[in-house]
């Protein structure tokens, strides 16, 4: 039978680079010292720990198991902590029999993980990756329950959408993962309504309908406010309401005055604004190059030169985001957050702010620049390209030259001067469209619809492939490179797991015997260790990517689906698959998530709220600018219609845009009023008097009553009732004459006689 392992600590004994002999001896001494201290700390903490060799060179796997006696002590300590911090908990003075009331797998793993990684001041062992005392501990992970994973995968084929059984997910992966899947299914259910509305308006109503945009905005607000109540109900049902109050401090935390923390948080704002500005300028430049410049070029390779903006985007934008992400991590660490939840929230806000710019700036430029000012921008681009001594001419010409040379080089077979296109400068006017009338015809009237299709269909298909298909390909490549043949299973080793002769290097420590025969495990243990090594080779699971994908999709639906009302339908189909692909990814492609208690989706709720406010601005502006006249036939949402604002002879594009801005500002104030009304209505309908509200009020009272009874303190009300029944009430006052003579009845009788 395979041993029960609660945690796996990945220990690195060597830095992974070539060392001289003196450096290697010093490194081995330091590694041995820290490894020995690690085992002592774990065993002194009443945990069972043993080290096993990993597949990579210099890698050790420390397997940890928590005995039942230690686990019972951790459960009791958590009860005390929950009670003192006001969390709904059972009686803290009672003891829990783990045999009759076993913990869920997630609770067990969470308790052990918190105990090992929490600081000494919080009652933990302080073994946290990234801390200065344990710089060789790379990570702390938990192992998958493959029986549950297989049952979960089989359930996908027998149940409709997997909207139920969230408690099972919570029992295995904790509240953080469970609340994500609950959010995903809740969002998918709400897409059903707006998808049906979108289909109806797409086929049977005018494009850019005022009614549809109003329904869309009301749906967005209702969804966000409904989820705000839903997560509150879940926190009461799961007993995690206020769980942030019992969160342990980070090992890297250093106590600082509050004003220094706030100044550090403010110091990151200029960096965010700087990178956001650079990113916006870069994306705008790529947009102008793609939407205008590439359409004006008619020289060699002009059909293939349209891919150049994509090449520029792939080459520049991810690199810029990577640089920014490194700065964001550094600034977040420097901000010195006390808890991991606030640390993650700060990093999430920094990262998603620029991701949103990448996601939405392109379509915003198309809607508010390309369509209203497309002809003016095209004329300006032509002027700067063909103006004498123009810097733009030289810059664009150099880009086109480098790209077209690579594209057309295989086809240039002539050796004469007349036939060799490379000898002709690409800034020559013969390679460009100089006729302004013909240039205007190159503007795409359906650009917005094409972009929405790309964002809501193509991009989501690509993301699904990157999440599910690409890991299999990478594993196959790694397997072939390591000499194990073609295999799609999770790799158990990296490229550094063997030396040049194909033999694995062995790292010996004091707790390991030098006798190979004594160390040879049986087949079951060997199979278990192979599984452990495969899971260690997997990347850790990160909720940020999944939340970011769904929140970004919500932004496309709420902000821009007025352009293409079928966007909610595409999102609904994607989310139906996303429920399964995310679960498949968790069970196959990543390590098992560390269970974490939480009562909210964190900063993502603020992001959703901001997007609903932004939706009020964009929808009102889009409807004002592009709603066709009443005489226009409802044949879809193509911008080829004659829109009454765009075709007005006595109004310029600048005036229209100014009017649209004023309307958007007015809509933002209307959004505030509508949100207040929706929030008040949903509070009355969904929360007031609900089972969760009654439970939230009852649990706290019950716990305190149980605690007082355990201390021998009787209920005051019950004590008084017993005293009355016993005839003990008021005996101290009956002996005084003052309390014996009542004048009230005599006075009332006198007034009656006088009347």
Foldseek 3Di string as FASTA:
>chain_A
DADDFLKKWKFAQDPPDDDDPVVVVVSNVVSQVLVVVVCVLQVVLVKDWDWDDALFPRIIIITIDHDPVSLQVLVLVVQVLCLVLVFQHFFSVDGDDCVVVPAQSQVSSQSVVCQACFDVVLNHSNQHDPAPSRVRGHDMFGFDDVVVLVVVLVVLVVDDQPQDPLVVVCSHFADLVSVLLNLLVLVLVLLVVLLVVLVCCQAPHAFLDPVNLVVLLLSLLLSLLLVVVVLLLVCLVVRQVPVVSSFGWHSLADDDDPVVLVVLLVVCVVVLVVLLVVLLVQVVVLLCCLQAVLLFFQDFPSVVCNCVSVVSCVVPVVVSLVVQLVVLLVSLSVSRDTGPQVSVLSSLVSNLVSVLCVLPVNLVCCQQPCVQPVLVSNVVLLCQCPPPPRPVVVVVQVSCLVVSCVVCVVVQPDDDPVSGPNVPRSSDCVRGRNDSVVSVVSRDQFVSVVVLCCSLPVVLVVVLCVLPVVLQVVQQVQCVLLPNHGDSAQDLDGNNSPDPVSHGDDDDHDVDDPDPVVVDDDPVNVVVVSSVSSQVSAAADDCSVVLSVVLSLSLCSLAPCSLPSNSSVSVSVSSSVVSSSVSVSCSGRHGRHNHDRDSDNRCSSVSSVVSSLNSLLRSQLSSQPQRADPVDDRPGNGSVGHRPVSPDPPDGSVRSVVVSNVRSVVSSVVSVVSSVVSSVVCCVVPPVPDPSNVSSVPSSVVNVVVNCVVVVHDDPVVVVVVCVVVVNPPPVPPVDPVVVDDCPVVVVVVVVVVD
